[in-house]
Amino acid sequence: MTSVEIYTLESCQYCYWAKELLSRKGVDFREINVSGNSQMRQEMIERSNGGTTFPQIFIGATHIGGCNELYALEENGKLDVLLNPGESRQA
């Protein structure tokens, strides 16, 4: 499974929903809580090409965006492909 990193803030409902979806799918992820840490927040902004909203989610080297984009990938059947590249090609 591809590594997942999620930049979060405390008390962020969208962060909670994103983590909940990933947990429900059995995905291990690295949470990077940037609350009160301006250096980590700046890292997130640079890594996400200017993304300042929360969460910011990365699957492998791919920046997928935030909670809405994560749920859209799930609804369109594309999240599992990103999480498990190669598995969907096996039949």
C-alpha atoms as a PDB file:
ATOM      1  CA  MET A   1       0.000   0.000   0.000  1.00  0.00           C
ATOM      2  CA  THR A   2       1.250   3.459  -0.887  1.00  0.00           C
ATOM      3  CA  SER A   3       2.201   5.725   2.006  1.00  0.00           C
ATOM      4  CA  VAL A   4      -0.290   8.409   3.011  1.00  0.00           C
ATOM      5  CA  GLU A   5       0.447  11.670   4.791  1.00  0.00           C
ATOM      6  CA  ILE A   6      -2.182  14.093   5.991  1.00  0.00           C
ATOM      7  CA  TYR A   7      -1.530  17.593   7.305  1.00  0.00           C
ATOM      8  CA  THR A   8      -4.109  18.501   9.941  1.00  0.00           C
ATOM      9  CA  LEU A   9      -5.177  21.080  12.496  1.00  0.00           C
ATOM     10  CA  GLU A  10      -6.708  20.376  15.880  1.00  0.00           C
ATOM     11  CA  SER A  11     -10.506  20.745  15.967  1.00  0.00           C
ATOM     12  CA  CYS A  12     -10.770  20.549  12.153  1.00  0.00           C
ATOM     13  CA  GLN A  13     -13.927  18.696  11.154  1.00  0.00           C
ATOM     14  CA  TYR A  14     -12.705  18.089   7.592  1.00  0.00           C
ATOM     15  CA  CYS A  15      -9.490  16.602   8.984  1.00  0.00           C
ATOM     16  CA  TYR A  16     -11.568  14.297  11.183  1.00  0.00           C
ATOM     17  CA  TRP A  17     -13.704  13.152   8.227  1.00  0.00           C
ATOM     18  CA  ALA A  18     -10.648  12.489   6.045  1.00  0.00           C
ATOM     19  CA  LYS A  19      -8.922  10.484   8.788  1.00  0.00           C
ATOM     20  CA  GLU A  20     -12.156   8.609   9.449  1.00  0.00           C
ATOM     21  CA  LEU A  21     -12.455   7.526   5.805  1.00  0.00           C
ATOM     22  CA  LEU A  22      -8.840   6.410   5.667  1.00  0.00           C
ATOM     23  CA  SER A  23      -9.195   4.511   8.952  1.00  0.00           C
ATOM     24  CA  ARG A  24     -12.415   2.854   7.800  1.00  0.00           C
ATOM     25  CA  LYS A  25     -10.565   1.617   4.713  1.00  0.00           C
ATOM     26  CA  GLY A  26      -7.749   0.243   6.887  1.00  0.00           C
ATOM     27  CA  VAL A  27      -5.191   2.739   5.590  1.00  0.00           C
ATOM     28  CA  ASP A  28      -2.190   3.468   7.771  1.00  0.00           C
ATOM     29  CA  PHE A  29      -1.366   7.146   7.489  1.00  0.00           C
ATOM     30  CA  ARG A  30       1.065   9.616   8.977  1.00  0.00           C
ATOM     31  CA  GLU A  31      -0.737  12.562  10.542  1.00  0.00           C
ATOM     32  CA  ILE A  32       1.222  15.799  10.616  1.00  0.00           C
ATOM     33  CA  ASN A  33      -0.574  18.141  13.013  1.00  0.00           C
ATOM     34  CA  VAL A  34       0.624  21.662  12.238  1.00  0.00           C
ATOM     35  CA  SER A  35      -1.360  23.409  14.988  1.00  0.00           C
ATOM     36  CA  GLY A  36       0.923  26.074  16.428  1.00  0.00           C
ATOM     37  CA  ASN A  37       3.845  25.061  14.211  1.00  0.00           C
ATOM     38  CA  SER A  38       4.434  27.712  11.550  1.00  0.00           C
ATOM     39  CA  GLN A  39       7.442  25.878  10.120  1.00  0.00           C
ATOM     40  CA  MET A  40       5.430  22.699   9.464  1.00  0.00           C
ATOM     41  CA  ARG A  41       2.557  24.780   8.059  1.00  0.00           C
ATOM     42  CA  GLN A  42       4.970  26.453   5.635  1.00  0.00           C
ATOM     43  CA  GLU A  43       6.286  23.029   4.610  1.00  0.00           C
ATOM     44  CA  MET A  44       2.713  21.942   3.882  1.00  0.00           C
ATOM     45  CA  ILE A  45       2.000  25.062   1.796  1.00  0.00           C
ATOM     46  CA  GLU A  46       5.153  24.585  -0.253  1.00  0.00           C
ATOM     47  CA  ARG A  47       4.605  20.871  -0.711  1.00  0.00           C
ATOM     48  CA  SER A  48       0.988  21.382  -1.790  1.00  0.00           C
ATOM     49  CA  ASN A  49       1.846  24.183  -4.239  1.00  0.00           C
ATOM     50  CA  GLY A  50       0.100  26.853  -2.183  1.00  0.00           C
ATOM     51  CA  GLY A  51      -2.622  24.829  -0.455  1.00  0.00           C
ATOM     52  CA  THR A  52      -3.583  26.556   2.785  1.00  0.00           C
ATOM     53  CA  THR A  53      -6.790  24.762   3.750  1.00  0.00           C
ATOM     54  CA  PHE A  54      -6.967  21.662   5.910  1.00  0.00           C
ATOM     55  CA  PRO A  55      -6.417  18.852   5.526  1.00  0.00           C
ATOM     56  CA  GLN A  56      -3.815  18.538   2.783  1.00  0.00           C
ATOM     57  CA  ILE A  57      -3.429  14.901   1.770  1.00  0.00           C
ATOM     58  CA  PHE A  58      -0.621  13.134  -0.064  1.00  0.00           C
ATOM     59  CA  ILE A  59      -0.775   9.592  -1.371  1.00  0.00           C
ATOM     60  CA  GLY A  60       2.785   8.680  -2.166  1.00  0.00           C
ATOM     61  CA  ALA A  61       4.236  11.669  -4.009  1.00  0.00           C
ATOM     62  CA  THR A  62       0.797  12.692  -5.308  1.00  0.00           C
ATOM     63  CA  HIS A  63      -0.931  15.667  -3.709  1.00  0.00           C
ATOM     64  CA  ILE A  64      -4.616  14.863  -3.901  1.00  0.00           C
ATOM     65  CA  GLY A  65      -5.934  17.968  -2.120  1.00  0.00           C
ATOM     66  CA  GLY A  66      -8.255  17.952   0.848  1.00  0.00           C
ATOM     67  CA  CYS A  67     -11.209  16.109   2.321  1.00  0.00           C
ATOM     68  CA  ASN A  68     -13.599  16.822  -0.549  1.00  0.00           C
ATOM     69  CA  GLU A  69     -11.109  15.524  -3.101  1.00  0.00           C
ATOM     70  CA  LEU A  70     -10.467  12.414  -0.983  1.00  0.00           C
ATOM     71  CA  TYR A  71     -14.185  11.603  -0.827  1.00  0.00           C
ATOM     72  CA  ALA A  72     -14.575  12.312  -4.567  1.00  0.00           C
ATOM     73  CA  LEU A  73     -11.805   9.808  -5.318  1.00  0.00           C
ATOM     74  CA  GLU A  74     -13.592   7.252  -3.133  1.00  0.00           C
ATOM     75  CA  GLU A  75     -16.974   7.878  -4.777  1.00  0.00           C
ATOM     76  CA  ASN A  76     -15.441   7.538  -8.247  1.00  0.00           C
ATOM     77  CA  GLY A  77     -13.644   4.294  -7.377  1.00  0.00           C
ATOM     78  CA  LYS A  78     -10.203   5.865  -7.825  1.00  0.00           C
ATOM     79  CA  LEU A  79      -8.976   5.961  -4.225  1.00  0.00           C
ATOM     80  CA  ASP A  80      -8.180   2.253  -4.032  1.00  0.00           C
ATOM     81  CA  VAL A  81      -6.195   2.516  -7.285  1.00  0.00           C
ATOM     82  CA  LEU A  82      -4.032   5.274  -5.789  1.00  0.00           C
ATOM     83  CA  LEU A  83      -3.597   3.411  -2.524  1.00  0.00           C
ATOM     84  CA  ASN A  84      -2.790   0.070  -4.165  1.00  0.00           C
ATOM     85  CA  PRO A  85      -1.222   0.720  -7.571  1.00  0.00           C
ATOM     86  CA  GLY A  86      -0.928  -2.411  -9.635  1.00  0.00           C
ATOM     87  CA  GLU A  87      -3.561  -4.418  -7.763  1.00  0.00           C
ATOM     88  CA  SER A  88      -6.425  -3.191  -9.941  1.00  0.00           C
ATOM     89  CA  ARG A  89      -4.506  -4.274 -13.051  1.00  0.00           C
ATOM     90  CA  GLN A  90      -4.320  -7.873 -11.915  1.00  0.00           C
ATOM     91  CA  ALA A  91      -7.211 -10.076 -12.913  1.00  0.00           C
END
